[in-house]
Amino acid sequence: MNRKAETNRATALRFLNGTHSRNIDDVDVIDETVGPGIVCHGFPGTTITDHESYKAFFRTFRKSFTDMDWKVHALVADDDHVAARWQIWATHSGEFAGVSPDGRRITFDGMVLYRMEDGRIVETWLHINELMLLSQIGAIAAAA
């Protein structure tokens, strides 16, 4: 792996570790790892256009799902992109998608693709397994 790809990989891991840690203040890692004009695709229920809206998304999500554990199953980096396949385990502790919390432990997975410039994330494509998540919290009927 070349130096640029290594830098991109390290930045993405730093971002993921901060935004998914159990310490909600760790979302400040966004200031160091994300470009100022961030463009995000696939974030349910919100539009992210800058550092503060990105932090607000993670703060809200982590209030809805506490005691979070997560794992990156695959991480691939090149000169311009980093892709990650991940899984999250958390407790449904706050309202999400109009559903009141029931304290149930849930798990879901997803993938993300980051476009990188100068060692920072400048564009994000997120795909959460929404069917898996929403069926576990009772927002939709469980798949057969």
Protein backbone atom coordinates (compact mmCIF):
# COMPACT_ATOMS: atom_id res chain seq x y z
CA MET A 1 0.00 0.00 0.00
CA ASN A 2 1.40 3.41 -0.92
CA ARG A 3 1.78 6.32 1.49
CA LYS A 4 -1.35 8.19 0.32
CA ALA A 5 -3.53 5.09 0.66
CA GLU A 6 -2.04 4.42 4.12
CA THR A 7 -2.83 8.00 5.20
CA ASN A 8 -6.41 7.69 3.91
CA ARG A 9 -6.86 4.37 5.72
CA ALA A 10 -5.54 5.82 8.99
CA THR A 11 -7.81 8.86 8.69
CA ALA A 12 -10.90 6.70 8.09
CA LEU A 13 -10.06 4.48 11.07
CA ARG A 14 -9.54 7.54 13.29
CA PHE A 15 -12.89 8.91 12.14
CA LEU A 16 -14.70 5.60 12.75
CA ASN A 17 -13.09 5.11 16.17
CA GLY A 18 -14.14 8.60 17.27
CA THR A 19 -17.65 8.67 15.87
CA HIS A 20 -18.46 5.17 17.16
CA SER A 21 -16.82 5.29 20.58
CA ARG A 22 -18.85 5.17 23.78
CA ASN A 23 -17.65 8.72 24.61
CA ILE A 24 -19.98 11.09 22.75
CA ASP A 25 -17.39 13.89 22.91
CA ASP A 26 -15.18 11.83 20.61
CA VAL A 27 -17.23 13.13 17.66
CA ASP A 28 -14.87 16.12 17.77
CA VAL A 29 -12.57 13.89 15.68
CA ILE A 30 -14.71 15.16 12.78
CA ASP A 31 -12.88 18.51 12.98
CA GLU A 32 -9.57 16.75 12.30
CA THR A 33 -10.61 14.09 9.79
CA VAL A 34 -13.35 15.66 7.65
CA GLY A 35 -13.02 18.40 5.04
CA PRO A 36 -14.96 21.64 5.65
CA GLY A 37 -17.39 21.20 2.73
CA ILE A 38 -18.40 17.61 3.49
CA VAL A 39 -21.03 16.07 1.21
CA CYS A 40 -22.95 13.08 2.59
CA HIS A 41 -25.31 10.65 0.87
CA GLY A 42 -27.58 8.05 2.47
CA PHE A 43 -27.94 9.46 5.98
CA PRO A 44 -31.51 8.73 7.10
CA GLY A 45 -33.60 11.70 8.18
CA THR A 46 -30.94 14.38 7.92
CA THR A 47 -28.86 16.52 5.59
CA ILE A 48 -25.19 16.88 6.46
CA THR A 49 -23.37 19.88 5.03
CA ASP A 50 -20.64 20.74 7.53
CA HIS A 51 -18.79 19.58 10.64
CA GLU A 52 -21.53 20.63 13.06
CA SER A 53 -24.34 18.86 11.20
CA TYR A 54 -22.14 15.74 10.95
CA LYS A 55 -21.51 15.85 14.71
CA ALA A 56 -25.23 16.41 15.36
CA PHE A 57 -26.09 13.28 13.35
CA PHE A 58 -23.74 11.11 15.42
CA ARG A 59 -24.83 12.68 18.72
CA THR A 60 -28.50 12.03 17.92
CA PHE A 61 -27.84 8.51 16.67
CA ARG A 62 -25.77 7.65 19.73
CA LYS A 63 -28.46 8.94 22.08
CA SER A 64 -30.90 6.60 20.34
CA PHE A 65 -28.45 3.68 20.45
CA THR A 66 -26.22 3.53 23.53
CA ASP A 67 -23.72 0.98 24.84
CA MET A 68 -22.46 0.72 21.29
CA ASP A 69 -19.95 -1.86 20.23
CA TRP A 70 -18.85 -2.09 16.63
CA LYS A 71 -16.45 -3.88 14.38
CA VAL A 72 -15.00 -3.19 10.97
CA HIS A 73 -15.06 -6.45 9.02
CA ALA A 74 -13.24 -5.07 5.96
CA LEU A 75 -11.40 -1.85 5.15
CA VAL A 76 -9.97 -1.11 1.72
CA ALA A 77 -8.08 2.07 0.82
CA ASP A 78 -6.52 3.60 -2.26
CA ASP A 79 -5.32 7.07 -3.25
CA ASP A 80 -8.83 8.56 -3.44
CA HIS A 81 -11.26 6.33 -1.48
CA VAL A 82 -11.69 4.21 1.63
CA ALA A 83 -14.44 1.57 1.86
CA ALA A 84 -15.52 -0.13 5.07
CA ARG A 85 -17.95 -2.94 5.86
CA TRP A 86 -19.01 -2.80 9.52
CA GLN A 87 -21.39 -4.14 12.16
CA ILE A 88 -22.87 -2.39 15.20
CA TRP A 89 -24.36 -3.80 18.42
CA ALA A 90 -26.20 -1.30 20.64
CA THR A 91 -29.08 -0.77 23.06
CA HIS A 92 -32.18 1.03 21.77
CA SER A 93 -32.20 3.77 24.44
CA GLY A 94 -33.80 6.76 22.74
CA GLU A 95 -36.50 7.47 20.18
CA PHE A 96 -35.54 6.57 16.62
CA ALA A 97 -37.70 6.70 13.48
CA GLY A 98 -40.66 7.64 15.69
CA VAL A 99 -40.25 4.49 17.79
CA SER A 100 -39.92 4.82 21.57
CA PRO A 101 -37.00 2.94 23.10
CA ASP A 102 -37.54 -0.43 24.72
CA GLY A 103 -34.01 -1.14 25.93
CA ARG A 104 -33.63 -4.01 23.48
CA ARG A 105 -30.15 -4.96 22.32
CA ILE A 106 -30.01 -4.75 18.51
CA THR A 107 -27.46 -5.39 15.80
CA PHE A 108 -27.19 -4.18 12.21
CA ASP A 109 -24.56 -3.84 9.55
CA GLY A 110 -23.69 -1.63 6.64
CA MET A 111 -21.05 -0.23 4.37
CA VAL A 112 -19.57 3.18 3.78
CA LEU A 113 -17.44 4.69 1.05
CA TYR A 114 -15.37 7.80 1.75
CA ARG A 115 -13.90 10.02 -0.95
CA MET A 116 -10.65 11.47 0.30
CA GLU A 117 -8.75 14.67 -0.50
CA ASP A 118 -5.51 15.70 1.19
CA GLY A 119 -5.96 12.99 3.84
CA ARG A 120 -9.48 14.11 4.83
CA ILE A 121 -12.96 12.76 4.19
CA VAL A 122 -14.76 15.07 1.74
CA GLU A 123 -17.66 12.90 0.60
CA THR A 124 -19.47 9.96 2.19
CA TRP A 125 -21.84 7.33 0.81
CA LEU A 126 -23.50 5.41 3.65
CA HIS A 127 -25.58 2.27 3.33
CA ILE A 128 -27.14 1.02 6.57
CA ASN A 129 -29.06 -2.24 6.57
CA GLU A 130 -32.23 -0.29 7.41
CA LEU A 131 -34.54 -3.32 7.15
CA MET A 132 -32.48 -5.12 9.78
CA LEU A 133 -32.37 -2.07 12.09
CA LEU A 134 -35.99 -0.94 11.74
CA SER A 135 -37.44 -4.44 12.14
CA GLN A 136 -35.50 -4.97 15.39
CA ILE A 137 -36.82 -1.78 16.98
CA GLY A 138 -40.37 -2.51 15.83
CA ALA A 139 -40.63 0.31 13.27
CA ILE A 140 -41.60 -2.21 10.57
CA ALA A 141 -42.77 -5.79 10.61
CA ALA A 142 -39.89 -8.26 10.80
CA ALA A 143 -38.97 -9.89 7.51
CA ALA A 144 -40.12 -13.47 7.19
